[in-house]
Amino acid sequence: MKMFKIQKFVAQILILLFVLTLTNCSVKVGPNHSHAKTKQVPPGQAKKMSGQKSAKNYAPGHNK
């Protein structure tokens, strides 16, 4: 009878330790930030992709 109580107590401790180890795990989900510099699309290529006739809207410094 006493041995059964000890085994039950040990099993409870092991379960508690297992649960505590699972609660310490964390998964971060969010945007993927890259530190590498990305090239912007040249104004002429942006014009072609949008189908417009002028690249002025895509050139830096032409904010109309």
N, C-alpha and C. Protein backbone atom coordinates (compact mmCIF):
# COMPACT_ATOMS: atom_id res chain seq x y z
N MET A 1 0.82 -1.19 0.00
CA MET A 1 0.00 0.00 0.00
C MET A 1 0.86 1.25 0.00
N LYS A 2 1.93 1.23 0.83
CA LYS A 2 2.81 2.38 0.92
C LYS A 2 3.58 2.56 -0.39
N MET A 3 3.96 1.48 -1.03
CA MET A 3 4.69 1.53 -2.29
C MET A 3 3.83 2.14 -3.40
N PHE A 4 2.54 1.83 -3.39
CA PHE A 4 1.62 2.38 -4.38
C PHE A 4 1.52 3.90 -4.25
N LYS A 5 1.49 4.42 -3.01
CA LYS A 5 1.42 5.86 -2.78
C LYS A 5 2.69 6.55 -3.27
N ILE A 6 3.84 5.90 -3.05
CA ILE A 6 5.12 6.49 -3.50
C ILE A 6 5.16 6.53 -5.02
N GLN A 7 4.72 5.44 -5.67
CA GLN A 7 4.71 5.42 -7.13
C GLN A 7 3.76 6.47 -7.68
N LYS A 8 2.62 6.63 -7.05
CA LYS A 8 1.65 7.63 -7.49
C LYS A 8 2.22 9.04 -7.33
N PHE A 9 2.92 9.28 -6.22
CA PHE A 9 3.52 10.58 -5.97
C PHE A 9 4.62 10.88 -7.00
N VAL A 10 5.43 9.89 -7.30
CA VAL A 10 6.51 10.05 -8.29
C VAL A 10 5.90 10.32 -9.67
N ALA A 11 4.84 9.61 -10.01
CA ALA A 11 4.18 9.83 -11.30
C ALA A 11 3.62 11.24 -11.38
N GLN A 12 3.04 11.75 -10.30
CA GLN A 12 2.50 13.11 -10.30
C GLN A 12 3.62 14.14 -10.47
N ILE A 13 4.74 13.91 -9.81
CA ILE A 13 5.88 14.82 -9.93
C ILE A 13 6.40 14.83 -11.36
N LEU A 14 6.51 13.66 -11.97
CA LEU A 14 6.99 13.57 -13.36
C LEU A 14 6.04 14.28 -14.32
N ILE A 15 4.75 14.10 -14.12
CA ILE A 15 3.76 14.77 -14.97
C ILE A 15 3.86 16.29 -14.80
N LEU A 16 4.02 16.73 -13.56
CA LEU A 16 4.14 18.16 -13.29
C LEU A 16 5.39 18.74 -13.96
N LEU A 17 6.50 18.03 -13.87
CA LEU A 17 7.73 18.49 -14.52
C LEU A 17 7.57 18.53 -16.04
N PHE A 18 6.90 17.54 -16.59
CA PHE A 18 6.68 17.50 -18.04
C PHE A 18 5.82 18.68 -18.49
N VAL A 19 4.78 18.99 -17.73
CA VAL A 19 3.90 20.11 -18.07
C VAL A 19 4.67 21.43 -17.96
N LEU A 20 5.50 21.56 -16.94
CA LEU A 20 6.28 22.78 -16.78
C LEU A 20 7.28 22.98 -17.92
N THR A 21 7.85 21.90 -18.42
CA THR A 21 8.78 22.04 -19.53
C THR A 21 8.05 22.45 -20.81
N LEU A 22 6.82 22.02 -20.97
CA LEU A 22 6.05 22.43 -22.15
C LEU A 22 5.63 23.88 -22.08
N THR A 23 5.37 24.39 -20.89
CA THR A 23 4.93 25.79 -20.77
C THR A 23 6.08 26.76 -21.01
N ASN A 24 7.32 26.31 -20.89
CA ASN A 24 8.45 27.20 -21.13
C ASN A 24 8.75 27.37 -22.61
N CYS A 25 8.20 26.53 -23.45
CA CYS A 25 8.42 26.65 -24.89
C CYS A 25 7.52 27.74 -25.44
N SER A 26 8.10 28.61 -26.26
CA SER A 26 7.28 29.64 -26.88
C SER A 26 7.62 29.72 -28.36
N VAL A 27 6.61 30.00 -29.14
CA VAL A 27 6.77 30.13 -30.58
C VAL A 27 6.33 31.54 -30.95
N LYS A 28 7.23 32.27 -31.58
CA LYS A 28 6.90 33.63 -31.99
C LYS A 28 6.49 33.61 -33.45
N VAL A 29 5.33 34.17 -33.71
CA VAL A 29 4.83 34.25 -35.07
C VAL A 29 4.66 35.71 -35.39
N GLY A 30 5.26 36.15 -36.45
CA GLY A 30 5.16 37.55 -36.82
C GLY A 30 5.73 37.77 -38.20
N PRO A 31 5.83 39.04 -38.56
CA PRO A 31 6.37 39.34 -39.89
C PRO A 31 7.83 38.94 -39.98
N ASN A 32 8.22 38.55 -41.15
CA ASN A 32 9.60 38.13 -41.39
C ASN A 32 10.41 39.35 -41.79
N HIS A 33 11.22 39.86 -40.88
CA HIS A 33 12.03 41.03 -41.17
C HIS A 33 13.40 40.59 -41.65
N SER A 34 13.77 41.09 -42.81
CA SER A 34 15.07 40.78 -43.36
C SER A 34 15.95 42.01 -43.22
N HIS A 35 17.18 41.80 -42.80
CA HIS A 35 18.10 42.92 -42.65
C HIS A 35 18.85 43.23 -43.93
N ALA A 36 18.66 42.41 -44.94
CA ALA A 36 19.32 42.65 -46.21
C ALA A 36 18.60 43.77 -46.95
N LYS A 37 19.37 44.59 -47.64
CA LYS A 37 18.77 45.68 -48.40
C LYS A 37 18.08 45.12 -49.63
N THR A 38 16.88 45.58 -49.88
CA THR A 38 16.14 45.14 -51.06
C THR A 38 16.14 46.27 -52.07
N LYS A 39 16.30 45.92 -53.31
CA LYS A 39 16.32 46.92 -54.38
C LYS A 39 14.90 47.33 -54.72
N GLN A 40 14.73 48.62 -54.95
CA GLN A 40 13.43 49.09 -55.41
C GLN A 40 13.34 48.89 -56.91
N VAL A 41 12.12 48.79 -57.38
CA VAL A 41 11.88 48.61 -58.81
C VAL A 41 12.13 49.96 -59.48
N PRO A 42 12.89 49.99 -60.58
CA PRO A 42 13.11 51.26 -61.30
C PRO A 42 11.80 51.81 -61.83
N PRO A 43 11.71 53.15 -61.98
CA PRO A 43 10.45 53.76 -62.42
C PRO A 43 9.92 53.19 -63.75
N GLY A 44 10.84 52.89 -64.68
CA GLY A 44 10.40 52.35 -65.97
C GLY A 44 9.76 50.98 -65.83
N GLN A 45 10.32 50.15 -64.95
CA GLN A 45 9.76 48.82 -64.74
C GLN A 45 8.42 48.88 -64.01
N ALA A 46 8.31 49.82 -63.06
CA ALA A 46 7.04 49.99 -62.34
C ALA A 46 5.95 50.44 -63.30
N LYS A 47 6.33 51.31 -64.25
CA LYS A 47 5.39 51.78 -65.27
C LYS A 47 4.90 50.61 -66.12
N LYS A 48 5.83 49.74 -66.50
CA LYS A 48 5.45 48.59 -67.33
C LYS A 48 4.51 47.65 -66.58
N MET A 49 4.79 47.44 -65.27
CA MET A 49 3.96 46.53 -64.49
C MET A 49 2.55 47.08 -64.29
N SER A 50 2.43 48.40 -64.17
CA SER A 50 1.11 48.99 -63.94
C SER A 50 0.35 49.25 -65.24
N GLY A 51 1.09 49.32 -66.34
CA GLY A 51 0.45 49.54 -67.62
C GLY A 51 0.22 51.01 -67.95
N GLN A 52 0.83 51.92 -67.21
CA GLN A 52 0.67 53.34 -67.50
C GLN A 52 1.65 53.78 -68.58
N LYS A 53 1.39 54.98 -69.14
CA LYS A 53 2.24 55.48 -70.21
C LYS A 53 3.43 56.28 -69.70
N SER A 54 3.33 56.84 -68.49
CA SER A 54 4.39 57.69 -67.97
C SER A 54 4.99 57.07 -66.70
N ALA A 55 6.32 57.20 -66.61
CA ALA A 55 7.01 56.70 -65.41
C ALA A 55 7.22 57.81 -64.39
N LYS A 56 6.71 59.01 -64.68
CA LYS A 56 6.91 60.15 -63.78
C LYS A 56 6.34 59.89 -62.39
N ASN A 57 5.23 59.19 -62.31
CA ASN A 57 4.60 58.91 -61.01
C ASN A 57 5.45 58.00 -60.14
N TYR A 58 6.35 57.25 -60.72
CA TYR A 58 7.14 56.29 -59.97
C TYR A 58 8.55 56.78 -59.69
N ALA A 59 8.94 57.91 -60.30
CA ALA A 59 10.28 58.44 -60.10
C ALA A 59 10.36 59.17 -58.76
N PRO A 60 11.46 59.02 -58.03
CA PRO A 60 11.61 59.73 -56.76
C PRO A 60 11.70 61.23 -57.01
N GLY A 61 11.00 61.99 -56.18
CA GLY A 61 11.01 63.45 -56.32
C GLY A 61 9.83 63.96 -57.11
N HIS A 62 9.09 63.09 -57.72
CA HIS A 62 7.90 63.51 -58.49
C HIS A 62 6.66 63.02 -57.75
N ASN A 63 6.31 63.72 -56.69
CA ASN A 63 5.16 63.31 -55.86
C ASN A 63 3.99 64.21 -56.13
N LYS A 64 3.32 64.01 -57.24
CA LYS A 64 2.12 64.80 -57.56
C LYS A 64 0.89 63.97 -57.29
